[in-house]
Amino acid sequence: NEVMDDPTPRKVAQRFGLDLEMCSETVYDVVIVGGGPGGVAAAVYAGA
């Protein structure tokens, strides 16, 4: 019975932990902007 007020993708993402809580002190080696085929391929090889 939890009815979401003014539903948006962002609210649903936050509810289920998809919208990561960023740590402002973390300095990543690489931030990839965009999740299409190229971005996801870069994400695979960056992790590897």
ModelCIF file with pLDDT and N, C-alpha, C, O atoms, coordinates in Angstrom:
data_MODEL
#
_entry.id   MODEL 
#
_entity.id                         1 
_entity.type                       polymer 
_entity.pdbx_number_of_molecules   1 
#
_entity_poly.entity_id                      1 
_entity_poly.type                           'polypeptide(L)' 
_entity_poly.nstd_linkage                   no 
_entity_poly.nstd_monomer                   no 
_entity_poly.pdbx_seq_one_letter_code       NEVMDDPTPRKVAQRFGLDLEMCSETVYDVVIVGGGPGGVAAAVYAGA 
_entity_poly.pdbx_seq_one_letter_code_can   NEVMDDPTPRKVAQRFGLDLEMCSETVYDVVIVGGGPGGVAAAVYAGA 
_entity_poly.pdbx_strand_id                 A 
#
loop_
_entity_poly_seq.entity_id 
_entity_poly_seq.num 
_entity_poly_seq.mon_id 
_entity_poly_seq.hetero 
1 1  ASN n 
1 2  GLU n 
1 3  VAL n 
1 4  MET n 
1 5  ASP n 
1 6  ASP n 
1 7  PRO n 
1 8  THR n 
1 9  PRO n 
1 10 ARG n 
1 11 LYS n 
1 12 VAL n 
1 13 ALA n 
1 14 GLN n 
1 15 ARG n 
1 16 PHE n 
1 17 GLY n 
1 18 LEU n 
1 19 ASP n 
1 20 LEU n 
1 21 GLU n 
1 22 MET n 
1 23 CYS n 
1 24 SER n 
1 25 GLU n 
1 26 THR n 
1 27 VAL n 
1 28 TYR n 
1 29 ASP n 
1 30 VAL n 
1 31 VAL n 
1 32 ILE n 
1 33 VAL n 
1 34 GLY n 
1 35 GLY n 
1 36 GLY n 
1 37 PRO n 
1 38 GLY n 
1 39 GLY n 
1 40 VAL n 
1 41 ALA n 
1 42 ALA n 
1 43 ALA n 
1 44 VAL n 
1 45 TYR n 
1 46 ALA n 
1 47 GLY n 
1 48 ALA n 
#
_struct_asym.id          A 
_struct_asym.entity_id   1 
#
loop_
_ma_qa_metric.id 
_ma_qa_metric.mode 
_ma_qa_metric.name 
_ma_qa_metric.software_group_id 
_ma_qa_metric.type 
1 global pLDDT . pLDDT 
2 local  pLDDT . pLDDT 
#
_ma_qa_metric_global.metric_id      1 
_ma_qa_metric_global.metric_value   88.33 
_ma_qa_metric_global.model_id       1 
_ma_qa_metric_global.ordinal_id     1 
#
loop_
_ma_qa_metric_local.label_asym_id 
_ma_qa_metric_local.label_comp_id 
_ma_qa_metric_local.label_seq_id 
_ma_qa_metric_local.metric_id 
_ma_qa_metric_local.metric_value 
_ma_qa_metric_local.model_id 
_ma_qa_metric_local.ordinal_id 
A ASN 1  2 79.00 1 1  
A GLU 2  2 87.00 1 2  
A VAL 3  2 88.00 1 3  
A MET 4  2 90.00 1 4  
A ASP 5  2 85.00 1 5  
A ASP 6  2 90.00 1 6  
A PRO 7  2 92.00 1 7  
A THR 8  2 93.00 1 8  
A PRO 9  2 92.00 1 9  
A ARG 10 2 91.00 1 10 
A LYS 11 2 91.00 1 11 
A VAL 12 2 92.00 1 12 
A ALA 13 2 90.00 1 13 
A GLN 14 2 89.00 1 14 
A ARG 15 2 89.00 1 15 
A PHE 16 2 88.00 1 16 
A GLY 17 2 83.00 1 17 
A LEU 18 2 80.00 1 18 
A ASP 19 2 75.00 1 19 
A LEU 20 2 68.00 1 20 
A GLU 21 2 65.00 1 21 
A MET 22 2 60.00 1 22 
A CYS 23 2 59.00 1 23 
A SER 24 2 59.00 1 24 
A GLU 25 2 67.00 1 25 
A THR 26 2 84.00 1 26 
A VAL 27 2 93.00 1 27 
A TYR 28 2 96.00 1 28 
A ASP 29 2 97.00 1 29 
A VAL 30 2 97.00 1 30 
A VAL 31 2 97.00 1 31 
A ILE 32 2 98.00 1 32 
A VAL 33 2 97.00 1 33 
A GLY 34 2 95.00 1 34 
A GLY 35 2 94.00 1 35 
A GLY 36 2 93.00 1 36 
A PRO 37 2 95.00 1 37 
A GLY 38 2 96.00 1 38 
A GLY 39 2 97.00 1 39 
A VAL 40 2 97.00 1 40 
A ALA 41 2 97.00 1 41 
A ALA 42 2 98.00 1 42 
A ALA 43 2 97.00 1 43 
A VAL 44 2 97.00 1 44 
A TYR 45 2 97.00 1 45 
A ALA 46 2 97.00 1 46 
A GLY 47 2 95.00 1 47 
A ALA 48 2 94.00 1 48 
#
loop_
_atom_site.group_PDB 
_atom_site.id 
_atom_site.type_symbol 
_atom_site.label_atom_id 
_atom_site.label_alt_id 
_atom_site.label_comp_id 
_atom_site.label_asym_id 
_atom_site.label_entity_id 
_atom_site.label_seq_id 
_atom_site.pdbx_PDB_ins_code 
_atom_site.Cartn_x 
_atom_site.Cartn_y 
_atom_site.Cartn_z 
_atom_site.occupancy 
_atom_site.B_iso_or_equiv 
_atom_site.pdbx_formal_charge 
_atom_site.auth_seq_id 
_atom_site.auth_comp_id 
_atom_site.auth_asym_id 
_atom_site.auth_atom_id 
_atom_site.pdbx_PDB_model_num 
ATOM 1   N N  . ASN A 1 1  ? 0.801  -1.235 0.000   1.00 79.00 ? 1  ASN A N  1 
ATOM 2   C CA . ASN A 1 1  ? 0.000  0.000  0.000   1.00 79.00 ? 1  ASN A CA 1 
ATOM 3   C C  . ASN A 1 1  ? 0.827  1.275  0.000   1.00 79.00 ? 1  ASN A C  1 
ATOM 4   O O  . ASN A 1 1  ? 0.293  2.343  0.298   1.00 79.00 ? 1  ASN A O  1 
ATOM 5   N N  . GLU A 1 2  ? 2.101  1.201  -0.321  1.00 87.00 ? 2  GLU A N  1 
ATOM 6   C CA . GLU A 1 2  ? 2.931  2.411  -0.381  1.00 87.00 ? 2  GLU A CA 1 
ATOM 7   C C  . GLU A 1 2  ? 2.777  3.049  -1.756  1.00 87.00 ? 2  GLU A C  1 
ATOM 8   O O  . GLU A 1 2  ? 3.358  2.583  -2.737  1.00 87.00 ? 2  GLU A O  1 
ATOM 9   N N  . VAL A 1 3  ? 1.992  4.117  -1.817  1.00 88.00 ? 3  VAL A N  1 
ATOM 10  C CA . VAL A 1 3  ? 1.752  4.826  -3.070  1.00 88.00 ? 3  VAL A CA 1 
ATOM 11  C C  . VAL A 1 3  ? 2.780  5.946  -3.193  1.00 88.00 ? 3  VAL A C  1 
ATOM 12  O O  . VAL A 1 3  ? 2.866  6.809  -2.320  1.00 88.00 ? 3  VAL A O  1 
ATOM 13  N N  . MET A 1 4  ? 3.551  5.937  -4.261  1.00 90.00 ? 4  MET A N  1 
ATOM 14  C CA . MET A 1 4  ? 4.614  6.920  -4.451  1.00 90.00 ? 4  MET A CA 1 
ATOM 15  C C  . MET A 1 4  ? 4.031  8.231  -4.979  1.00 90.00 ? 4  MET A C  1 
ATOM 16  O O  . MET A 1 4  ? 3.351  8.248  -6.005  1.00 90.00 ? 4  MET A O  1 
ATOM 17  N N  . ASP A 1 5  ? 4.300  9.317  -4.276  1.00 85.00 ? 5  ASP A N  1 
ATOM 18  C CA . ASP A 1 5  ? 3.848  10.631 -4.712  1.00 85.00 ? 5  ASP A CA 1 
ATOM 19  C C  . ASP A 1 5  ? 4.684  11.110 -5.896  1.00 85.00 ? 5  ASP A C  1 
ATOM 20  O O  . ASP A 1 5  ? 5.908  10.975 -5.894  1.00 85.00 ? 5  ASP A O  1 
ATOM 21  N N  . ASP A 1 6  ? 4.020  11.669 -6.906  1.00 90.00 ? 6  ASP A N  1 
ATOM 22  C CA . ASP A 1 6  ? 4.701  12.226 -8.074  1.00 90.00 ? 6  ASP A CA 1 
ATOM 23  C C  . ASP A 1 6  ? 5.824  11.291 -8.542  1.00 90.00 ? 6  ASP A C  1 
ATOM 24  O O  . ASP A 1 6  ? 6.995  11.667 -8.479  1.00 90.00 ? 6  ASP A O  1 
ATOM 25  N N  . PRO A 1 7  ? 5.496  10.098 -9.002  1.00 92.00 ? 7  PRO A N  1 
ATOM 26  C CA . PRO A 1 7  ? 6.524  9.106  -9.341  1.00 92.00 ? 7  PRO A CA 1 
ATOM 27  C C  . PRO A 1 7  ? 7.441  9.551  -10.471 1.00 92.00 ? 7  PRO A C  1 
ATOM 28  O O  . PRO A 1 7  ? 6.997  10.120 -11.468 1.00 92.00 ? 7  PRO A O  1 
ATOM 29  N N  . THR A 1 8  ? 8.720  9.280  -10.295 1.00 93.00 ? 8  THR A N  1 
ATOM 30  C CA . THR A 1 8  ? 9.731  9.539  -11.315 1.00 93.00 ? 8  THR A CA 1 
ATOM 31  C C  . THR A 1 8  ? 10.718 8.379  -11.306 1.00 93.00 ? 8  THR A C  1 
ATOM 32  O O  . THR A 1 8  ? 10.814 7.670  -10.305 1.00 93.00 ? 8  THR A O  1 
ATOM 33  N N  . PRO A 1 9  ? 11.462 8.166  -12.405 1.00 92.00 ? 9  PRO A N  1 
ATOM 34  C CA . PRO A 1 9  ? 12.498 7.138  -12.407 1.00 92.00 ? 9  PRO A CA 1 
ATOM 35  C C  . PRO A 1 9  ? 13.504 7.329  -11.282 1.00 92.00 ? 9  PRO A C  1 
ATOM 36  O O  . PRO A 1 9  ? 13.962 6.355  -10.685 1.00 92.00 ? 9  PRO A O  1 
ATOM 37  N N  . ARG A 1 10 ? 13.853 8.582  -10.988 1.00 91.00 ? 10 ARG A N  1 
ATOM 38  C CA . ARG A 1 10 ? 14.840 8.857  -9.938  1.00 91.00 ? 10 ARG A CA 1 
ATOM 39  C C  . ARG A 1 10 ? 14.336 8.378  -8.575  1.00 91.00 ? 10 ARG A C  1 
ATOM 40  O O  . ARG A 1 10 ? 15.098 7.790  -7.807  1.00 91.00 ? 10 ARG A O  1 
ATOM 41  N N  . LYS A 1 11 ? 13.068 8.624  -8.271  1.00 91.00 ? 11 LYS A N  1 
ATOM 42  C CA . LYS A 1 11 ? 12.515 8.207  -6.985  1.00 91.00 ? 11 LYS A CA 1 
ATOM 43  C C  . LYS A 1 11 ? 12.510 6.686  -6.864  1.00 91.00 ? 11 LYS A C  1 
ATOM 44  O O  . LYS A 1 11 ? 12.843 6.143  -5.811  1.00 91.00 ? 11 LYS A O  1 
ATOM 45  N N  . VAL A 1 12 ? 12.137 6.008  -7.932  1.00 92.00 ? 12 VAL A N  1 
ATOM 46  C CA . VAL A 1 12 ? 12.147 4.547  -7.910  1.00 92.00 ? 12 VAL A CA 1 
ATOM 47  C C  . VAL A 1 12 ? 13.576 4.028  -7.753  1.00 92.00 ? 12 VAL A C  1 
ATOM 48  O O  . VAL A 1 12 ? 13.820 3.080  -7.008  1.00 92.00 ? 12 VAL A O  1 
ATOM 49  N N  . ALA A 1 13 ? 14.509 4.652  -8.454  1.00 90.00 ? 13 ALA A N  1 
ATOM 50  C CA . ALA A 1 13 ? 15.909 4.249  -8.349  1.00 90.00 ? 13 ALA A CA 1 
ATOM 51  C C  . ALA A 1 13 ? 16.426 4.418  -6.929  1.00 90.00 ? 13 ALA A C  1 
ATOM 52  O O  . ALA A 1 13 ? 17.129 3.548  -6.415  1.00 90.00 ? 13 ALA A O  1 
ATOM 53  N N  . GLN A 1 14 ? 16.083 5.530  -6.296  1.00 89.00 ? 14 GLN A N  1 
ATOM 54  C CA . GLN A 1 14 ? 16.509 5.764  -4.923  1.00 89.00 ? 14 GLN A CA 1 
ATOM 55  C C  . GLN A 1 14 ? 15.903 4.732  -3.978  1.00 89.00 ? 14 GLN A C  1 
ATOM 56  O O  . GLN A 1 14 ? 16.559 4.270  -3.045  1.00 89.00 ? 14 GLN A O  1 
ATOM 57  N N  . ARG A 1 15 ? 14.649 4.376  -4.229  1.00 89.00 ? 15 ARG A N  1 
ATOM 58  C CA . ARG A 1 15 ? 13.958 3.415  -3.358  1.00 89.00 ? 15 ARG A CA 1 
ATOM 59  C C  . ARG A 1 15 ? 14.619 2.044  -3.372  1.00 89.00 ? 15 ARG A C  1 
ATOM 60  O O  . ARG A 1 15 ? 14.590 1.317  -2.379  1.00 89.00 ? 15 ARG A O  1 
ATOM 61  N N  . PHE A 1 16 ? 15.218 1.700  -4.519  1.00 88.00 ? 16 PHE A N  1 
ATOM 62  C CA . PHE A 1 16 ? 15.796 0.361  -4.648  1.00 88.00 ? 16 PHE A CA 1 
ATOM 63  C C  . PHE A 1 16 ? 17.316 0.366  -4.814  1.00 88.00 ? 16 PHE A C  1 
ATOM 64  O O  . PHE A 1 16 ? 17.893 -0.601 -5.312  1.00 88.00 ? 16 PHE A O  1 
ATOM 65  N N  . GLY A 1 17 ? 17.961 1.455  -4.395  1.00 83.00 ? 17 GLY A N  1 
ATOM 66  C CA . GLY A 1 17 ? 19.407 1.474  -4.323  1.00 83.00 ? 17 GLY A CA 1 
ATOM 67  C C  . GLY A 1 17 ? 20.131 1.535  -5.649  1.00 83.00 ? 17 GLY A C  1 
ATOM 68  O O  . GLY A 1 17 ? 21.316 1.209  -5.717  1.00 83.00 ? 17 GLY A O  1 
ATOM 69  N N  . LEU A 1 18 ? 19.435 1.953  -6.727  1.00 80.00 ? 18 LEU A N  1 
ATOM 70  C CA . LEU A 1 18 ? 20.086 2.054  -8.032  1.00 80.00 ? 18 LEU A CA 1 
ATOM 71  C C  . LEU A 1 18 ? 20.808 3.387  -8.184  1.00 80.00 ? 18 LEU A C  1 
ATOM 72  O O  . LEU A 1 18 ? 21.798 3.484  -8.910  1.00 80.00 ? 18 LEU A O  1 
ATOM 73  N N  . ASP A 1 19 ? 20.318 4.395  -7.508  1.00 75.00 ? 19 ASP A N  1 
ATOM 74  C CA . ASP A 1 19 ? 20.939 5.716  -7.534  1.00 75.00 ? 19 ASP A CA 1 
ATOM 75  C C  . ASP A 1 19 ? 21.959 5.746  -6.403  1.00 75.00 ? 19 ASP A C  1 
ATOM 76  O O  . ASP A 1 19 ? 21.615 6.041  -5.258  1.00 75.00 ? 19 ASP A O  1 
ATOM 77  N N  . LEU A 1 20 ? 23.204 5.445  -6.721  1.00 68.00 ? 20 LEU A N  1 
ATOM 78  C CA . LEU A 1 20 ? 24.217 5.245  -5.698  1.00 68.00 ? 20 LEU A CA 1 
ATOM 79  C C  . LEU A 1 20 ? 24.447 6.501  -4.871  1.00 68.00 ? 20 LEU A C  1 
ATOM 80  O O  . LEU A 1 20 ? 24.440 7.617  -5.390  1.00 68.00 ? 20 LEU A O  1 
ATOM 81  N N  . GLU A 1 21 ? 24.646 6.298  -3.601  1.00 65.00 ? 21 GLU A N  1 
ATOM 82  C CA . GLU A 1 21 ? 25.065 7.407  -2.741  1.00 65.00 ? 21 GLU A CA 1 
ATOM 83  C C  . GLU A 1 21 ? 26.549 7.645  -2.986  1.00 65.00 ? 21 GLU A C  1 
ATOM 84  O O  . GLU A 1 21 ? 27.387 6.786  -2.712  1.00 65.00 ? 21 GLU A O  1 
ATOM 85  N N  . MET A 1 22 ? 26.852 8.817  -3.503  1.00 60.00 ? 22 MET A N  1 
ATOM 86  C CA . MET A 1 22 ? 28.238 9.121  -3.853  1.00 60.00 ? 22 MET A CA 1 
ATOM 87  C C  . MET A 1 22 ? 29.038 9.518  -2.615  1.00 60.00 ? 22 MET A C  1 
ATOM 88  O O  . MET A 1 22 ? 28.541 10.220 -1.734  1.00 60.00 ? 22 MET A O  1 
ATOM 89  N N  . CYS A 1 23 ? 30.241 9.072  -2.568  1.00 59.00 ? 23 CYS A N  1 
ATOM 90  C CA . CYS A 1 23 ? 31.158 9.508  -1.513  1.00 59.00 ? 23 CYS A CA 1 
ATOM 91  C C  . CYS A 1 23 ? 31.987 10.654 -2.061  1.00 59.00 ? 23 CYS A C  1 
ATOM 92  O O  . CYS A 1 23 ? 32.786 10.466 -2.978  1.00 59.00 ? 23 CYS A O  1 
ATOM 93  N N  . SER A 1 24 ? 31.800 11.833 -1.505  1.00 59.00 ? 24 SER A N  1 
ATOM 94  C CA . SER A 1 24 ? 32.479 13.018 -2.039  1.00 59.00 ? 24 SER A CA 1 
ATOM 95  C C  . SER A 1 24 ? 33.989 12.935 -1.890  1.00 59.00 ? 24 SER A C  1 
ATOM 96  O O  . SER A 1 24 ? 34.716 13.655 -2.575  1.00 59.00 ? 24 SER A O  1 
ATOM 97  N N  . GLU A 1 25 ? 34.472 12.074 -1.009  1.00 67.00 ? 25 GLU A N  1 
ATOM 98  C CA . GLU A 1 25 ? 35.922 11.969 -0.804  1.00 67.00 ? 25 GLU A CA 1 
ATOM 99  C C  . GLU A 1 25 ? 36.577 10.973 -1.751  1.00 67.00 ? 25 GLU A C  1 
ATOM 100 O O  . GLU A 1 25 ? 37.803 10.934 -1.853  1.00 67.00 ? 25 GLU A O  1 
ATOM 101 N N  . THR A 1 26 ? 35.775 10.166 -2.444  1.00 84.00 ? 26 THR A N  1 
ATOM 102 C CA . THR A 1 26 ? 36.322 9.179  -3.379  1.00 84.00 ? 26 THR A CA 1 
ATOM 103 C C  . THR A 1 26 ? 36.792 9.867  -4.654  1.00 84.00 ? 26 THR A C  1 
ATOM 104 O O  . THR A 1 26 ? 36.057 10.658 -5.246  1.00 84.00 ? 26 THR A O  1 
ATOM 105 N N  . VAL A 1 27 ? 38.018 9.564  -5.075  1.00 93.00 ? 27 VAL A N  1 
ATOM 106 C CA . VAL A 1 27 ? 38.510 10.015 -6.370  1.00 93.00 ? 27 VAL A CA 1 
ATOM 107 C C  . VAL A 1 27 ? 38.639 8.765  -7.246  1.00 93.00 ? 27 VAL A C  1 
ATOM 108 O O  . VAL A 1 27 ? 39.527 7.938  -7.036  1.00 93.00 ? 27 VAL A O  1 
ATOM 109 N N  . TYR A 1 28 ? 37.759 8.641  -8.212  1.00 96.00 ? 28 TYR A N  1 
ATOM 110 C CA . TYR A 1 28 ? 37.791 7.491  -9.105  1.00 96.00 ? 28 TYR A CA 1 
ATOM 111 C C  . TYR A 1 28 ? 38.950 7.623  -10.080 1.00 96.00 ? 28 TYR A C  1 
ATOM 112 O O  . TYR A 1 28 ? 39.436 8.722  -10.348 1.00 96.00 ? 28 TYR A O  1 
ATOM 113 N N  . ASP A 1 29 ? 39.380 6.494  -10.601 1.00 97.00 ? 29 ASP A N  1 
ATOM 114 C CA . ASP A 1 29 ? 40.370 6.545  -11.677 1.00 97.00 ? 29 ASP A CA 1 
ATOM 115 C C  . ASP A 1 29 ? 39.726 7.059  -12.954 1.00 97.00 ? 29 ASP A C  1 
ATOM 116 O O  . ASP A 1 29 ? 40.333 7.826  -13.702 1.00 97.00 ? 29 ASP A O  1 
ATOM 117 N N  . VAL A 1 30 ? 38.494 6.631  -13.197 1.00 97.00 ? 30 VAL A N  1 
ATOM 118 C CA . VAL A 1 30 ? 37.795 7.062  -14.407 1.00 97.00 ? 30 VAL A CA 1 
ATOM 119 C C  . VAL A 1 30 ? 36.297 7.135  -14.136 1.00 97.00 ? 30 VAL A C  1 
ATOM 120 O O  . VAL A 1 30 ? 35.715 6.235  -13.530 1.00 97.00 ? 30 VAL A O  1 
ATOM 121 N N  . VAL A 1 31 ? 35.687 8.218  -14.593 1.00 97.00 ? 31 VAL A N  1 
ATOM 122 C CA . VAL A 1 31 ? 34.229 8.333  -14.618 1.00 97.00 ? 31 VAL A CA 1 
ATOM 123 C C  . VAL A 1 31 ? 33.810 8.260  -16.077 1.00 97.00 ? 31 VAL A C  1 
ATOM 124 O O  . VAL A 1 31 ? 34.272 9.039  -16.910 1.00 97.00 ? 31 VAL A O  1 
ATOM 125 N N  . ILE A 1 32 ? 32.936 7.321  -16.373 1.00 98.00 ? 32 ILE A N  1 
ATOM 126 C CA . ILE A 1 32 ? 32.418 7.129  -17.724 1.00 98.00 ? 32 ILE A CA 1 
ATOM 127 C C  . ILE A 1 32 ? 31.037 7.755  -17.781 1.00 98.00 ? 32 ILE A C  1 
ATOM 128 O O  . ILE A 1 32 ? 30.152 7.375  -17.015 1.00 98.00 ? 32 ILE A O  1 
ATOM 129 N N  . VAL A 1 33 ? 30.845 8.695  -18.665 1.00 97.00 ? 33 VAL A N  1 
ATOM 130 C CA . VAL A 1 33 ? 29.575 9.411  -18.763 1.00 97.00 ? 33 VAL A CA 1 
ATOM 131 C C  . VAL A 1 33 ? 28.809 8.860  -19.962 1.00 97.00 ? 33 VAL A C  1 
ATOM 132 O O  . VAL A 1 33 ? 29.161 9.126  -21.111 1.00 97.00 ? 33 VAL A O  1 
ATOM 133 N N  . GLY A 1 34 ? 27.764 8.093  -19.684 1.00 95.00 ? 34 GLY A N  1 
ATOM 134 C CA . GLY A 1 34 ? 26.962 7.503  -20.744 1.00 95.00 ? 34 GLY A CA 1 
ATOM 135 C C  . GLY A 1 34 ? 26.999 5.989  -20.692 1.00 95.00 ? 34 GLY A C  1 
ATOM 136 O O  . GLY A 1 34 ? 28.068 5.386  -20.593 1.00 95.00 ? 34 GLY A O  1 
ATOM 137 N N  . GLY A 1 35 ? 25.811 5.368  -20.758 1.00 94.00 ? 35 GLY A N  1 
ATOM 138 C CA . GLY A 1 35 ? 25.718 3.924  -20.603 1.00 94.00 ? 35 GLY A CA 1 
ATOM 139 C C  . GLY A 1 35 ? 25.283 3.192  -21.846 1.00 94.00 ? 35 GLY A C  1 
ATOM 140 O O  . GLY A 1 35 ? 24.610 2.165  -21.753 1.00 94.00 ? 35 GLY A O  1 
ATOM 141 N N  . GLY A 1 36 ? 25.657 3.702  -23.025 1.00 93.00 ? 36 GLY A N  1 
ATOM 142 C CA . GLY A 1 36 ? 25.395 2.975  -24.258 1.00 93.00 ? 36 GLY A CA 1 
ATOM 143 C C  . GLY A 1 36 ? 26.443 1.879  -24.464 1.00 93.00 ? 36 GLY A C  1 
ATOM 144 O O  . GLY A 1 36 ? 27.222 1.601  -23.552 1.00 93.00 ? 36 GLY A O  1 
ATOM 145 N N  . PRO A 1 37 ? 26.478 1.256  -25.634 1.00 95.00 ? 37 PRO A N  1 
ATOM 146 C CA . PRO A 1 37 ? 27.437 0.173  -25.882 1.00 95.00 ? 37 PRO A CA 1 
ATOM 147 C C  . PRO A 1 37 ? 28.888 0.580  -25.640 1.00 95.00 ? 37 PRO A C  1 
ATOM 148 O O  . PRO A 1 37 ? 29.656 -0.190 -25.062 1.00 95.00 ? 37 PRO A O  1 
ATOM 149 N N  . GLY A 1 38 ? 29.273 1.783  -26.077 1.00 96.00 ? 38 GLY A N  1 
ATOM 150 C CA . GLY A 1 38 ? 30.642 2.234  -25.871 1.00 96.00 ? 38 GLY A CA 1 
ATOM 151 C C  . GLY A 1 38 ? 30.968 2.446  -24.409 1.00 96.00 ? 38 GLY A C  1 
ATOM 152 O O  . GLY A 1 38 ? 32.024 2.027  -23.935 1.00 96.00 ? 38 GLY A O  1 
ATOM 153 N N  . GLY A 1 39 ? 30.062 3.096  -23.691 1.00 97.00 ? 39 GLY A N  1 
ATOM 154 C CA . GLY A 1 39 ? 30.293 3.347  -22.276 1.00 97.00 ? 39 GLY A CA 1 
ATOM 155 C C  . GLY A 1 39 ? 30.368 2.077  -21.468 1.00 97.00 ? 39 GLY A C  1 
ATOM 156 O O  . GLY A 1 39 ? 31.221 1.949  -20.590 1.00 97.00 ? 39 GLY A O  1 
ATOM 157 N N  . VAL A 1 40 ? 29.476 1.123  -21.753 1.00 97.00 ? 40 VAL A N  1 
ATOM 158 C CA . VAL A 1 40 ? 29.489 -0.135 -21.006 1.00 97.00 ? 40 VAL A CA 1 
ATOM 159 C C  . VAL A 1 40 ? 30.728 -0.953 -21.346 1.00 97.00 ? 40 VAL A C  1 
ATOM 160 O O  . VAL A 1 40 ? 31.296 -1.601 -20.467 1.00 97.00 ? 40 VAL A O  1 
ATOM 161 N N  . ALA A 1 41 ? 31.159 -0.935 -22.613 1.00 97.00 ? 41 ALA A N  1 
ATOM 162 C CA . ALA A 1 41 ? 32.405 -1.620 -22.974 1.00 97.00 ? 41 ALA A CA 1 
ATOM 163 C C  . ALA A 1 41 ? 33.582 -1.024 -22.209 1.00 97.00 ? 41 ALA A C  1 
ATOM 164 O O  . ALA A 1 41 ? 34.438 -1.757 -21.713 1.00 97.00 ? 41 ALA A O  1 
ATOM 165 N N  . ALA A 1 42 ? 33.625 0.302  -22.112 1.00 98.00 ? 42 ALA A N  1 
ATOM 166 C CA . ALA A 1 42 ? 34.678 0.954  -21.335 1.00 98.00 ? 42 ALA A CA 1 
ATOM 167 C C  . ALA A 1 42 ? 34.597 0.548  -19.874 1.00 98.00 ? 42 ALA A C  1 
ATOM 168 O O  . ALA A 1 42 ? 35.623 0.366  -19.219 1.00 98.00 ? 42 ALA A O  1 
ATOM 169 N N  . ALA A 1 43 ? 33.374 0.406  -19.358 1.00 97.00 ? 43 ALA A N  1 
ATOM 170 C CA . ALA A 1 43 ? 33.197 -0.010 -17.965 1.00 97.00 ? 43 ALA A CA 1 
ATOM 171 C C  . ALA A 1 43 ? 33.724 -1.416 -17.729 1.00 97.00 ? 43 ALA A C  1 
ATOM 172 O O  . ALA A 1 43 ? 34.321 -1.687 -16.687 1.00 97.00 ? 43 ALA A O  1 
ATOM 173 N N  . VAL A 1 44 ? 33.511 -2.316 -18.688 1.00 97.00 ? 44 VAL A N  1 
ATOM 174 C CA . VAL A 1 44 ? 34.016 -3.689 -18.570 1.00 97.00 ? 44 VAL A CA 1 
ATOM 175 C C  . VAL A 1 44 ? 35.532 -3.688 -18.521 1.00 97.00 ? 44 VAL A C  1 
ATOM 176 O O  . VAL A 1 44 ? 36.132 -4.299 -17.636 1.00 97.00 ? 44 VAL A O  1 
ATOM 177 N N  . TYR A 1 45 ? 36.152 -3.001 -19.473 1.00 97.00 ? 45 TYR A N  1 
ATOM 178 C CA . TYR A 1 45 ? 37.614 -3.032 -19.560 1.00 97.00 ? 45 TYR A CA 1 
ATOM 179 C C  . TYR A 1 45 ? 38.273 -2.233 -18.444 1.00 97.00 ? 45 TYR A C  1 
ATOM 180 O O  . TYR A 1 45 ? 39.374 -2.572 -18.013 1.00 97.00 ? 45 TYR A O  1 
ATOM 181 N N  . ALA A 1 46 ? 37.618 -1.180 -17.971 1.00 97.00 ? 46 ALA A N  1 
ATOM 182 C CA . ALA A 1 46 ? 38.161 -0.431 -16.834 1.00 97.00 ? 46 ALA A CA 1 
ATOM 183 C C  . ALA A 1 46 ? 38.228 -1.326 -15.609 1.00 97.00 ? 46 ALA A C  1 
ATOM 184 O O  . ALA A 1 46 ? 39.243 -1.373 -14.914 1.00 97.00 ? 46 ALA A O  1 
ATOM 185 N N  . GLY A 1 47 ? 37.129 -2.042 -15.349 1.00 95.00 ? 47 GLY A N  1 
ATOM 186 C CA . GLY A 1 47 ? 37.123 -2.954 -14.209 1.00 95.00 ? 47 GLY A CA 1 
ATOM 187 C C  . GLY A 1 47 ? 38.129 -4.072 -14.372 1.00 95.00 ? 47 GLY A C  1 
ATOM 188 O O  . GLY A 1 47 ? 38.817 -4.439 -13.420 1.00 95.00 ? 47 GLY A O  1 
ATOM 189 N N  . ALA A 1 48 ? 38.219 -4.622 -15.587 1.00 94.00 ? 48 ALA A N  1 
ATOM 190 C CA . ALA A 1 48 ? 39.149 -5.723 -15.830 1.00 94.00 ? 48 ALA A CA 1 
ATOM 191 C C  . ALA A 1 48 ? 40.599 -5.293 -15.638 1.00 94.00 ? 48 ALA A C  1 
ATOM 192 O O  . ALA A 1 48 ? 41.511 -6.103 -15.805 1.00 94.00 ? 48 ALA A O  1 
#
